[in-house]
PDB file of all heavy atoms in Angstrom:
ATOM      1  N   ASN A   1      -4.821   8.464  31.574  1.00  0.00           N
ATOM      2  CA  ASN A   1      -5.004   7.220  32.325  1.00  0.00           C
ATOM      3  C   ASN A   1      -6.538   7.280  32.808  1.00  0.00           C
ATOM      4  O   ASN A   1      -6.907   8.149  33.554  1.00  0.00           O
ATOM      5  CB  ASN A   1      -4.111   7.187  33.502  1.00  0.00           C
ATOM      6  CG  ASN A   1      -4.199   5.965  34.346  1.00  0.00           C
ATOM      7  OD1 ASN A   1      -5.236   5.162  34.213  1.00  0.00           O
ATOM      8  ND2 ASN A   1      -3.336   5.813  35.269  1.00  0.00           N
ATOM      9  N   LEU A   2      -7.237   6.277  32.387  1.00  0.00           N
ATOM     10  CA  LEU A   2      -8.665   6.207  32.627  1.00  0.00           C
ATOM     11  C   LEU A   2      -8.898   6.043  34.174  1.00  0.00           C
ATOM     12  O   LEU A   2      -9.961   6.295  34.673  1.00  0.00           O
ATOM     13  CB  LEU A   2      -9.344   5.125  31.893  1.00  0.00           C
ATOM     14  CG  LEU A   2      -9.394   5.296  30.403  1.00  0.00           C
ATOM     15  CD1 LEU A   2      -9.967   4.172  29.641  1.00  0.00           C
ATOM     16  CD2 LEU A   2     -10.135   6.635  30.011  1.00  0.00           C
ATOM     17  N   GLN A   3      -7.969   5.496  34.917  1.00  0.00           N
ATOM     18  CA  GLN A   3      -8.125   5.284  36.290  1.00  0.00           C
ATOM     19  C   GLN A   3      -7.783   6.497  37.176  1.00  0.00           C
ATOM     20  O   GLN A   3      -8.136   6.523  38.360  1.00  0.00           O
ATOM     21  CB  GLN A   3      -7.316   4.079  36.754  1.00  0.00           C
ATOM     22  CG  GLN A   3      -7.828   2.766  36.217  1.00  0.00           C
ATOM     23  CD  GLN A   3      -7.050   1.630  36.793  1.00  0.00           C
ATOM     24  OE1 GLN A   3      -5.857   1.688  36.922  1.00  0.00           O
ATOM     25  NE2 GLN A   3      -7.768   0.625  37.211  1.00  0.00           N
ATOM     26  N   PHE A   4      -7.310   7.550  36.631  1.00  0.00           N
ATOM     27  CA  PHE A   4      -6.921   8.711  37.312  1.00  0.00           C
ATOM     28  C   PHE A   4      -7.992   9.268  38.262  1.00  0.00           C
ATOM     29  O   PHE A   4      -7.725   9.347  39.450  1.00  0.00           O
ATOM     30  CB  PHE A   4      -6.288   9.770  36.427  1.00  0.00           C
ATOM     31  CG  PHE A   4      -5.815  11.049  37.210  1.00  0.00           C
ATOM     32  CD1 PHE A   4      -4.571  11.003  37.886  1.00  0.00           C
ATOM     33  CD2 PHE A   4      -6.681  12.074  37.293  1.00  0.00           C
ATOM     34  CE1 PHE A   4      -4.315  12.135  38.668  1.00  0.00           C
ATOM     35  CE2 PHE A   4      -6.338  13.273  38.031  1.00  0.00           C
ATOM     36  CZ  PHE A   4      -5.089  13.344  38.597  1.00  0.00           C
ATOM     37  N   PRO A   5      -9.144   9.615  37.627  1.00  0.00           N
ATOM     38  CA  PRO A   5     -10.151  10.152  38.634  1.00  0.00           C
ATOM     39  C   PRO A   5     -10.605   9.181  39.710  1.00  0.00           C
ATOM     40  O   PRO A   5     -10.804   9.545  40.777  1.00  0.00           O
ATOM     41  CB  PRO A   5     -11.385  10.474  37.625  1.00  0.00           C
ATOM     42  CG  PRO A   5     -10.831  10.461  36.228  1.00  0.00           C
ATOM     43  CD  PRO A   5      -9.593   9.541  36.356  1.00  0.00           C
ATOM     44  N   TYR A   6     -10.677   7.848  39.397  1.00  0.00           N
ATOM     45  CA  TYR A   6     -11.086   6.865  40.375  1.00  0.00           C
ATOM     46  C   TYR A   6      -9.957   6.827  41.573  1.00  0.00           C
ATOM     47  O   TYR A   6     -10.304   6.833  42.619  1.00  0.00           O
ATOM     48  CB  TYR A   6     -11.202   5.520  39.686  1.00  0.00           C
ATOM     49  CG  TYR A   6     -11.466   4.357  40.650  1.00  0.00           C
ATOM     50  CD1 TYR A   6     -12.639   4.266  41.199  1.00  0.00           C
ATOM     51  CD2 TYR A   6     -10.464   3.549  41.045  1.00  0.00           C
ATOM     52  CE1 TYR A   6     -12.901   3.193  42.085  1.00  0.00           C
ATOM     53  CE2 TYR A   6     -10.662   2.456  41.905  1.00  0.00           C
ATOM     54  CZ  TYR A   6     -11.888   2.336  42.442  1.00  0.00           C
ATOM     55  OH  TYR A   6     -12.100   1.303  43.318  1.00  0.00           O
ATOM     56  N   LYS A   7      -8.757   6.835  41.082  1.00  0.00           N
ATOM     57  CA  LYS A   7      -7.594   6.701  42.051  1.00  0.00           C
ATOM     58  C   LYS A   7      -7.555   7.940  42.917  1.00  0.00           C
ATOM     59  O   LYS A   7      -7.406   7.902  44.103  1.00  0.00           O
ATOM     60  CB  LYS A   7      -6.272   6.523  41.314  1.00  0.00           C
ATOM     61  CG  LYS A   7      -6.119   5.136  40.755  1.00  0.00           C
ATOM     62  CD  LYS A   7      -4.700   4.855  40.246  1.00  0.00           C
ATOM     63  CE  LYS A   7      -4.064   5.831  39.427  1.00  0.00           C
ATOM     64  NZ  LYS A   7      -2.816   5.369  38.903  1.00  0.00           N
ATOM     65  N   LEU A   8      -7.809   9.117  42.366  1.00  0.00           N
ATOM     66  CA  LEU A   8      -7.877  10.398  43.100  1.00  0.00           C
ATOM     67  C   LEU A   8      -8.949  10.353  44.171  1.00  0.00           C
ATOM     68  O   LEU A   8      -8.718  10.641  45.357  1.00  0.00           O
ATOM     69  CB  LEU A   8      -8.056  11.586  42.204  1.00  0.00           C
ATOM     70  CG  LEU A   8      -8.007  13.034  42.731  1.00  0.00           C
ATOM     71  CD1 LEU A   8      -6.589  13.252  43.336  1.00  0.00           C
ATOM     72  CD2 LEU A   8      -8.469  13.989  41.717  1.00  0.00           C
ATOM     73  N   LEU A   9     -10.133   9.940  43.717  1.00  0.00           N
ATOM     74  CA  LEU A   9     -11.229   9.865  44.704  1.00  0.00           C
ATOM     75  C   LEU A   9     -10.984   8.792  45.759  1.00  0.00           C
ATOM     76  O   LEU A   9     -11.330   9.003  46.977  1.00  0.00           O
ATOM     77  CB  LEU A   9     -12.576   9.497  43.857  1.00  0.00           C
ATOM     78  CG  LEU A   9     -13.842   9.376  44.774  1.00  0.00           C
ATOM     79  CD1 LEU A   9     -14.141  10.786  45.473  1.00  0.00           C
ATOM     80  CD2 LEU A   9     -14.971   9.070  43.836  1.00  0.00           C
ATOM     81  N   GLN A  10     -10.398   7.650  45.376  1.00  0.00           N
ATOM     82  CA  GLN A  10     -10.144   6.576  46.356  1.00  0.00           C
ATOM     83  C   GLN A  10      -9.133   7.029  47.434  1.00  0.00           C
ATOM     84  O   GLN A  10      -9.270   6.753  48.617  1.00  0.00           O
ATOM     85  CB  GLN A  10      -9.723   5.278  45.638  1.00  0.00           C
ATOM     86  CG  GLN A  10     -10.821   4.593  44.837  1.00  0.00           C
ATOM     87  CD  GLN A  10     -12.040   4.361  45.706  1.00  0.00           C
ATOM     88  OE1 GLN A  10     -11.950   3.746  46.766  1.00  0.00           O
ATOM     89  NE2 GLN A  10     -13.205   4.829  45.218  1.00  0.00           N
ATOM     90  N   ALA A  11      -8.119   7.689  46.930  1.00  0.00           N
ATOM     91  CA  ALA A  11      -7.060   8.234  47.815  1.00  0.00           C
ATOM     92  C   ALA A  11      -7.664   9.228  48.813  1.00  0.00           C
ATOM     93  O   ALA A  11      -7.393   9.169  49.985  1.00  0.00           O
ATOM     94  CB  ALA A  11      -5.874   8.863  46.970  1.00  0.00           C
ATOM     95  N   TYR A  12      -8.420  10.130  48.263  1.00  0.00           N
ATOM     96  CA  TYR A  12      -9.059  11.225  49.106  1.00  0.00           C
ATOM     97  C   TYR A  12     -10.031  10.559  50.141  1.00  0.00           C
ATOM     98  O   TYR A  12      -9.954  10.998  51.352  1.00  0.00           O
ATOM     99  CB  TYR A  12      -9.850  12.183  48.275  1.00  0.00           C
ATOM    100  CG  TYR A  12     -10.556  13.267  49.095  1.00  0.00           C
ATOM    101  CD1 TYR A  12      -9.760  14.287  49.758  1.00  0.00           C
ATOM    102  CD2 TYR A  12     -11.883  13.260  49.318  1.00  0.00           C
ATOM    103  CE1 TYR A  12     -10.459  15.268  50.560  1.00  0.00           C
ATOM    104  CE2 TYR A  12     -12.567  14.149  50.037  1.00  0.00           C
ATOM    105  CZ  TYR A  12     -11.822  15.207  50.662  1.00  0.00           C
ATOM    106  OH  TYR A  12     -12.360  16.163  51.411  1.00  0.00           O
ATOM    107  N   THR A  13     -10.752   9.574  49.776  1.00  0.00           N
ATOM    108  CA  THR A  13     -11.678   8.865  50.622  1.00  0.00           C
ATOM    109  C   THR A  13     -10.855   8.173  51.770  1.00  0.00           C
ATOM    110  O   THR A  13     -11.258   8.151  52.988  1.00  0.00           O
ATOM    111  CB  THR A  13     -12.510   7.867  49.859  1.00  0.00           C
ATOM    112  OG1 THR A  13     -13.291   8.579  48.922  1.00  0.00           O
ATOM    113  CG2 THR A  13     -13.438   6.972  50.770  1.00  0.00           C
ATOM    114  N   ALA A  14      -9.746   7.552  51.347  1.00  0.00           N
ATOM    115  CA  ALA A  14      -8.884   6.915  52.386  1.00  0.00           C
ATOM    116  C   ALA A  14      -8.356   7.892  53.371  1.00  0.00           C
ATOM    117  O   ALA A  14      -8.257   7.546  54.615  1.00  0.00           O
ATOM    118  CB  ALA A  14      -7.678   6.178  51.707  1.00  0.00           C
ATOM    119  N   TYR A  15      -8.044   9.081  52.994  1.00  0.00           N
ATOM    120  CA  TYR A  15      -7.567  10.073  53.930  1.00  0.00           C
ATOM    121  C   TYR A  15      -8.687  10.527  54.935  1.00  0.00           C
ATOM    122  O   TYR A  15      -8.387  10.851  56.046  1.00  0.00           O
ATOM    123  CB  TYR A  15      -6.965  11.326  53.180  1.00  0.00           C
ATOM    124  CG  TYR A  15      -5.504  11.140  52.856  1.00  0.00           C
ATOM    125  CD1 TYR A  15      -5.043  10.330  51.908  1.00  0.00           C
ATOM    126  CD2 TYR A  15      -4.650  12.089  53.408  1.00  0.00           C
ATOM    127  CE1 TYR A  15      -3.708  10.158  51.669  1.00  0.00           C
ATOM    128  CE2 TYR A  15      -3.283  11.970  53.121  1.00  0.00           C
ATOM    129  CZ  TYR A  15      -2.851  10.982  52.199  1.00  0.00           C
ATOM    130  OH  TYR A  15      -1.414  10.935  52.010  1.00  0.00           O
ATOM    131  N   CYS A  16      -9.852  10.590  54.372  1.00  0.00           N
ATOM    132  CA  CYS A  16     -11.017  11.046  55.172  1.00  0.00           C
ATOM    133  C   CYS A  16     -11.510   9.928  56.009  1.00  0.00           C
ATOM    134  O   CYS A  16     -12.291  10.225  57.026  1.00  0.00           O
ATOM    135  CB  CYS A  16     -12.105  11.577  54.236  1.00  0.00           C
ATOM    136  SG  CYS A  16     -11.641  13.066  53.323  1.00  0.00           S
ATOM    137  N   ARG A  17     -11.359   8.699  55.675  1.00  0.00           N
ATOM    138  CA  ARG A  17     -12.019   7.525  56.406  1.00  0.00           C
ATOM    139  C   ARG A  17     -11.855   7.502  57.893  1.00  0.00           C
ATOM    140  O   ARG A  17     -12.873   7.359  58.576  1.00  0.00           O
ATOM    141  CB  ARG A  17     -11.510   6.262  55.761  1.00  0.00           C
ATOM    142  CG  ARG A  17     -12.265   5.072  56.319  1.00  0.00           C
ATOM    143  CD  ARG A  17     -11.890   3.758  55.613  1.00  0.00           C
ATOM    144  NE  ARG A  17     -12.348   3.795  54.280  1.00  0.00           N
ATOM    145  CZ  ARG A  17     -11.541   3.775  53.170  1.00  0.00           C
ATOM    146  NH1 ARG A  17     -10.151   3.533  53.439  1.00  0.00           N
ATOM    147  NH2 ARG A  17     -11.934   3.830  51.937  1.00  0.00           N
ATOM    148  N   PRO A  18     -10.718   7.761  58.469  1.00  0.00           N
ATOM    149  CA  PRO A  18     -10.505   7.736  59.942  1.00  0.00           C
ATOM    150  C   PRO A  18     -11.376   8.704  60.624  1.00  0.00           C
ATOM    151  O   PRO A  18     -12.099   8.412  61.638  1.00  0.00           O
ATOM    152  CB  PRO A  18      -9.112   8.011  60.203  1.00  0.00           C
ATOM    153  CG  PRO A  18      -8.345   7.609  58.910  1.00  0.00           C
ATOM    154  CD  PRO A  18      -9.333   7.847  57.874  1.00  0.00           C
ATOM    155  N   LEU A  19     -11.507   9.920  60.071  1.00  0.00           N
ATOM    156  CA  LEU A  19     -12.372  10.987  60.676  1.00  0.00           C
ATOM    157  C   LEU A  19     -13.792  10.616  60.522  1.00  0.00           C
ATOM    158  O   LEU A  19     -14.623  10.717  61.449  1.00  0.00           O
ATOM    159  CB  LEU A  19     -12.118  12.408  60.087  1.00  0.00           C
ATOM    160  CG  LEU A  19     -12.931  13.545  60.625  1.00  0.00           C
ATOM    161  CD1 LEU A  19     -12.728  13.607  62.111  1.00  0.00           C
ATOM    162  CD2 LEU A  19     -12.638  14.835  59.897  1.00  0.00           C
ATOM    163  N   CYS A  20     -14.202  10.177  59.335  1.00  0.00           N
ATOM    164  CA  CYS A  20     -15.624   9.800  59.090  1.00  0.00           C
ATOM    165  C   CYS A  20     -16.045   8.750  59.983  1.00  0.00           C
ATOM    166  O   CYS A  20     -17.179   8.703  60.501  1.00  0.00           O
ATOM    167  CB  CYS A  20     -15.804   9.326  57.621  1.00  0.00           C
ATOM    168  SG  CYS A  20     -15.736  10.722  56.403  1.00  0.00           S
ATOM    169  N   GLN A  21     -15.082   7.668  60.259  1.00  0.00           N
ATOM    170  CA  GLN A  21     -15.509   6.587  61.168  1.00  0.00           C
ATOM    171  C   GLN A  21     -15.624   7.098  62.640  1.00  0.00           C
ATOM    172  O   GLN A  21     -16.499   6.740  63.378  1.00  0.00           O
ATOM    173  CB  GLN A  21     -14.363   5.516  60.982  1.00  0.00           C
ATOM    174  CG  GLN A  21     -14.493   4.697  59.692  1.00  0.00           C
ATOM    175  CD  GLN A  21     -13.399   3.746  59.581  1.00  0.00           C
ATOM    176  OE1 GLN A  21     -12.328   3.747  60.192  1.00  0.00           O
ATOM    177  NE2 GLN A  21     -13.586   2.749  58.708  1.00  0.00           N
ATOM    178  N   GLU A  22     -14.641   7.950  62.958  1.00  0.00           N
ATOM    179  CA  GLU A  22     -14.638   8.521  64.392  1.00  0.00           C
ATOM    180  C   GLU A  22     -16.081   9.264  64.595  1.00  0.00           C
ATOM    181  O   GLU A  22     -16.607   9.144  65.719  1.00  0.00           O
ATOM    182  CB  GLU A  22     -13.447   9.445  64.506  1.00  0.00           C
ATOM    183  CG  GLU A  22     -13.447  10.124  65.825  1.00  0.00           C
ATOM    184  CD  GLU A  22     -12.400  11.160  65.967  1.00  0.00           C
ATOM    185  OE1 GLU A  22     -11.323  11.072  65.370  1.00  0.00           O
ATOM    186  OE2 GLU A  22     -12.616  12.174  66.671  1.00  0.00           O
ATOM    187  N   ILE A  23     -16.507  10.068  63.731  1.00  0.00           N
ATOM    188  CA  ILE A  23     -17.659  10.844  63.871  1.00  0.00           C
ATOM    189  C   ILE A  23     -18.913  10.236  63.421  1.00  0.00           C
ATOM    190  O   ILE A  23     -19.997  10.745  63.467  1.00  0.00           O
ATOM    191  CB  ILE A  23     -17.482  12.256  63.252  1.00  0.00           C
ATOM    192  CG1 ILE A  23     -17.313  12.171  61.735  1.00  0.00           C
ATOM    193  CG2 ILE A  23     -16.387  13.044  63.929  1.00  0.00           C
ATOM    194  CD1 ILE A  23     -17.352  13.504  61.031  1.00  0.00           C
ATOM    195  N   LYS A  24     -18.755   8.995  62.950  1.00  0.00           N
ATOM    196  CA  LYS A  24     -19.903   8.229  62.376  1.00  0.00           C
ATOM    197  C   LYS A  24     -20.757   8.897  61.398  1.00  0.00           C
ATOM    198  O   LYS A  24     -21.950   8.985  61.381  1.00  0.00           O
ATOM    199  CB  LYS A  24     -20.779   7.693  63.577  1.00  0.00           C
ATOM    200  CG  LYS A  24     -20.019   6.772  64.459  1.00  0.00           C
ATOM    201  CD  LYS A  24     -20.914   6.384  65.717  1.00  0.00           C
ATOM    202  CE  LYS A  24     -20.235   5.509  66.686  1.00  0.00           C
ATOM    203  NZ  LYS A  24     -18.869   5.739  67.116  1.00  0.00           N
ATOM    204  N   LEU A  25     -19.955   9.443  60.375  1.00  0.00           N
ATOM    205  CA  LEU A  25     -20.656  10.050  59.211  1.00  0.00           C
ATOM    206  C   LEU A  25     -20.213   9.313  57.948  1.00  0.00           C
ATOM    207  O   LEU A  25     -18.953   9.049  57.895  1.00  0.00           O
ATOM    208  CB  LEU A  25     -20.291  11.525  59.142  1.00  0.00           C
ATOM    209  CG  LEU A  25     -21.008  12.661  59.833  1.00  0.00           C
ATOM    210  CD1 LEU A  25     -20.483  14.003  59.483  1.00  0.00           C
ATOM    211  CD2 LEU A  25     -22.584  12.476  59.592  1.00  0.00           C
ATOM    212  N   PRO A  26     -21.142   9.154  56.997  1.00  0.00           N
ATOM    213  CA  PRO A  26     -20.748   8.532  55.700  1.00  0.00           C
ATOM    214  C   PRO A  26     -19.826   9.599  54.982  1.00  0.00           C
ATOM    215  O   PRO A  26     -19.988  10.790  55.282  1.00  0.00           O
ATOM    216  CB  PRO A  26     -21.979   8.242  54.996  1.00  0.00           C
ATOM    217  CG  PRO A  26     -23.127   8.807  55.823  1.00  0.00           C
ATOM    218  CD  PRO A  26     -22.576   9.286  57.160  1.00  0.00           C
ATOM    219  N   GLN A  27     -19.055   9.064  54.142  1.00  0.00           N
ATOM    220  CA  GLN A  27     -18.145  10.006  53.317  1.00  0.00           C
ATOM    221  C   GLN A  27     -19.014  11.069  52.611  1.00  0.00           C
ATOM    222  O   GLN A  27     -18.633  12.202  52.561  1.00  0.00           O
ATOM    223  CB  GLN A  27     -17.423   9.128  52.355  1.00  0.00           C
ATOM    224  CG  GLN A  27     -16.461  10.093  51.433  1.00  0.00           C
ATOM    225  CD  GLN A  27     -15.238  10.639  52.131  1.00  0.00           C
ATOM    226  OE1 GLN A  27     -14.664  10.001  52.909  1.00  0.00           O
ATOM    227  NE2 GLN A  27     -14.977  11.882  51.920  1.00  0.00           N
ATOM    228  N   THR A  28     -20.199  10.698  52.071  1.00  0.00           N
ATOM    229  CA  THR A  28     -20.997  11.673  51.214  1.00  0.00           C
ATOM    230  C   THR A  28     -21.469  12.851  52.208  1.00  0.00           C
ATOM    231  O   THR A  28     -21.413  13.981  51.791  1.00  0.00           O
ATOM    232  CB  THR A  28     -22.250  10.986  50.614  1.00  0.00           C
ATOM    233  OG1 THR A  28     -21.672   9.929  49.845  1.00  0.00           O
ATOM    234  CG2 THR A  28     -23.004  11.924  49.812  1.00  0.00           C
ATOM    235  N   ALA A  29     -21.810  12.456  53.443  1.00  0.00           N
ATOM    236  CA  ALA A  29     -22.285  13.517  54.389  1.00  0.00           C
ATOM    237  C   ALA A  29     -21.023  14.460  54.656  1.00  0.00           C
ATOM    238  O   ALA A  29     -21.216  15.697  54.730  1.00  0.00           O
ATOM    239  CB  ALA A  29     -22.773  12.907  55.641  1.00  0.00           C
ATOM    240  N   PHE A  30     -19.940  13.887  54.882  1.00  0.00           N
ATOM    241  CA  PHE A  30     -18.701  14.636  55.113  1.00  0.00           C
ATOM    242  C   PHE A  30     -18.359  15.571  53.933  1.00  0.00           C
ATOM    243  O   PHE A  30     -18.068  16.748  54.081  1.00  0.00           O
ATOM    244  CB  PHE A  30     -17.546  13.764  55.459  1.00  0.00           C
ATOM    245  CG  PHE A  30     -16.203  14.388  55.741  1.00  0.00           C
ATOM    246  CD1 PHE A  30     -15.966  15.190  56.833  1.00  0.00           C
ATOM    247  CD2 PHE A  30     -15.278  14.405  54.705  1.00  0.00           C
ATOM    248  CE1 PHE A  30     -14.832  15.870  57.076  1.00  0.00           C
ATOM    249  CE2 PHE A  30     -14.060  15.059  54.963  1.00  0.00           C
ATOM    250  CZ  PHE A  30     -13.888  15.749  56.187  1.00  0.00           C
ATOM    251  N   ASP A  31     -18.557  15.035  52.719  1.00  0.00           N
ATOM    252  CA  ASP A  31     -18.245  15.717  51.507  1.00  0.00           C
ATOM    253  C   ASP A  31     -19.294  16.948  51.408  1.00  0.00           C
ATOM    254  O   ASP A  31     -18.773  18.045  51.008  1.00  0.00           O
ATOM    255  CB  ASP A  31     -18.387  14.900  50.350  1.00  0.00           C
ATOM    256  CG  ASP A  31     -17.254  13.808  50.165  1.00  0.00           C
ATOM    257  OD1 ASP A  31     -16.239  13.907  50.823  1.00  0.00           O
ATOM    258  OD2 ASP A  31     -17.464  12.965  49.428  1.00  0.00           O
ATOM    259  N   ILE A  32     -20.479  16.728  51.771  1.00  0.00           N
ATOM    260  CA  ILE A  32     -21.435  17.884  51.718  1.00  0.00           C
ATOM    261  C   ILE A  32     -21.095  18.937  52.745  1.00  0.00           C
ATOM    262  O   ILE A  32     -21.161  20.108  52.391  1.00  0.00           O
ATOM    263  CB  ILE A  32     -22.856  17.200  51.851  1.00  0.00           C
ATOM    264  CG1 ILE A  32     -23.329  16.410  50.677  1.00  0.00           C
ATOM    265  CG2 ILE A  32     -23.854  18.372  52.207  1.00  0.00           C
ATOM    266  CD1 ILE A  32     -24.562  15.587  50.864  1.00  0.00           C
ATOM    267  N   LEU A  33     -20.665  18.472  53.932  1.00  0.00           N
ATOM    268  CA  LEU A  33     -20.425  19.406  54.896  1.00  0.00           C
ATOM    269  C   LEU A  33     -19.169  20.265  54.580  1.00  0.00           C
ATOM    270  O   LEU A  33     -19.287  21.523  54.723  1.00  0.00           O
ATOM    271  CB  LEU A  33     -20.184  18.748  56.285  1.00  0.00           C
ATOM    272  CG  LEU A  33     -19.737  19.599  57.411  1.00  0.00           C
ATOM    273  CD1 LEU A  33     -20.914  20.525  57.846  1.00  0.00           C
ATOM    274  CD2 LEU A  33     -19.296  18.786  58.627  1.00  0.00           C
ATOM    275  N   MET A  34     -18.180  19.617  54.006  1.00  0.00           N
ATOM    276  CA  MET A  34     -16.976  20.356  53.608  1.00  0.00           C
ATOM    277  C   MET A  34     -17.246  21.315  52.375  1.00  0.00           C
ATOM    278  O   MET A  34     -16.752  22.372  52.326  1.00  0.00           O
ATOM    279  CB  MET A  34     -15.855  19.299  53.233  1.00  0.00           C
ATOM    280  CG  MET A  34     -15.363  18.559  54.484  1.00  0.00           C
ATOM    281  SD  MET A  34     -14.916  19.602  55.900  1.00  0.00           S
ATOM    282  CE  MET A  34     -13.481  20.638  55.223  1.00  0.00           C
ATOM    283  N   PHE A  35     -18.121  20.757  51.559  1.00  0.00           N
ATOM    284  CA  PHE A  35     -18.541  21.661  50.367  1.00  0.00           C
ATOM    285  C   PHE A  35     -19.165  22.943  50.833  1.00  0.00           C
ATOM    286  O   PHE A  35     -18.839  24.027  50.470  1.00  0.00           O
ATOM    287  CB  PHE A  35     -19.466  20.852  49.412  1.00  0.00           C
ATOM    288  CG  PHE A  35     -20.021  21.760  48.326  1.00  0.00           C
ATOM    289  CD1 PHE A  35     -19.263  21.915  47.136  1.00  0.00           C
ATOM    290  CD2 PHE A  35     -21.207  22.412  48.387  1.00  0.00           C
ATOM    291  CE1 PHE A  35     -19.703  22.702  46.087  1.00  0.00           C
ATOM    292  CE2 PHE A  35     -21.706  23.190  47.336  1.00  0.00           C
ATOM    293  CZ  PHE A  35     -20.950  23.406  46.210  1.00  0.00           C
ATOM    294  N   LEU A  36     -20.143  22.817  51.691  1.00  0.00           N
ATOM    295  CA  LEU A  36     -20.808  23.946  52.323  1.00  0.00           C
ATOM    296  C   LEU A  36     -19.915  24.896  53.059  1.00  0.00           C
ATOM    297  O   LEU A  36     -19.946  26.136  52.950  1.00  0.00           O
ATOM    298  CB  LEU A  36     -21.964  23.505  53.246  1.00  0.00           C
ATOM    299  CG  LEU A  36     -23.096  22.877  52.516  1.00  0.00           C
ATOM    300  CD1 LEU A  36     -24.079  22.289  53.600  1.00  0.00           C
ATOM    301  CD2 LEU A  36     -23.853  23.821  51.598  1.00  0.00           C
ATOM    302  N   ALA A  37     -18.845  24.341  53.755  1.00  0.00           N
ATOM    303  CA  ALA A  37     -17.979  25.136  54.558  1.00  0.00           C
ATOM    304  C   ALA A  37     -16.945  25.808  53.657  1.00  0.00           C
ATOM    305  O   ALA A  37     -16.656  27.023  53.886  1.00  0.00           O
ATOM    306  CB  ALA A  37     -17.168  24.169  55.516  1.00  0.00           C
ATOM    307  N   ASN A  38     -16.528  25.112  52.554  1.00  0.00           N
ATOM    308  CA  ASN A  38     -15.552  25.656  51.644  1.00  0.00           C
ATOM    309  C   ASN A  38     -16.139  26.633  50.461  1.00  0.00           C
ATOM    310  O   ASN A  38     -15.419  27.376  49.894  1.00  0.00           O
ATOM    311  CB  ASN A  38     -14.702  24.681  51.088  1.00  0.00           C
ATOM    312  CG  ASN A  38     -13.801  23.863  52.048  1.00  0.00           C
ATOM    313  OD1 ASN A  38     -13.481  24.551  53.066  1.00  0.00           O
ATOM    314  ND2 ASN A  38     -13.563  22.688  51.823  1.00  0.00           N
ATOM    315  N   ASN A  39     -17.398  26.588  50.367  1.00  0.00           N
ATOM    316  CA  ASN A  39     -18.151  27.230  49.310  1.00  0.00           C
ATOM    317  C   ASN A  39     -19.458  27.945  49.864  1.00  0.00           C
ATOM    318  O   ASN A  39     -20.541  27.567  49.421  1.00  0.00           O
ATOM    319  CB  ASN A  39     -18.457  26.360  48.139  1.00  0.00           C
ATOM    320  CG  ASN A  39     -17.237  25.693  47.618  1.00  0.00           C
ATOM    321  OD1 ASN A  39     -16.494  26.253  46.852  1.00  0.00           O
ATOM    322  ND2 ASN A  39     -17.069  24.355  48.026  1.00  0.00           N
TER     323      ASN A  39
END
């Protein structure tokens, strides 16, 4: 299904959105922070 990676990313972004909005960080900044923390 060609939409699988897109749907996966969109679902993950939706889960992160409330926290990103609360802390006023864009999703990309949050992703970078979590990447550094997890790796």
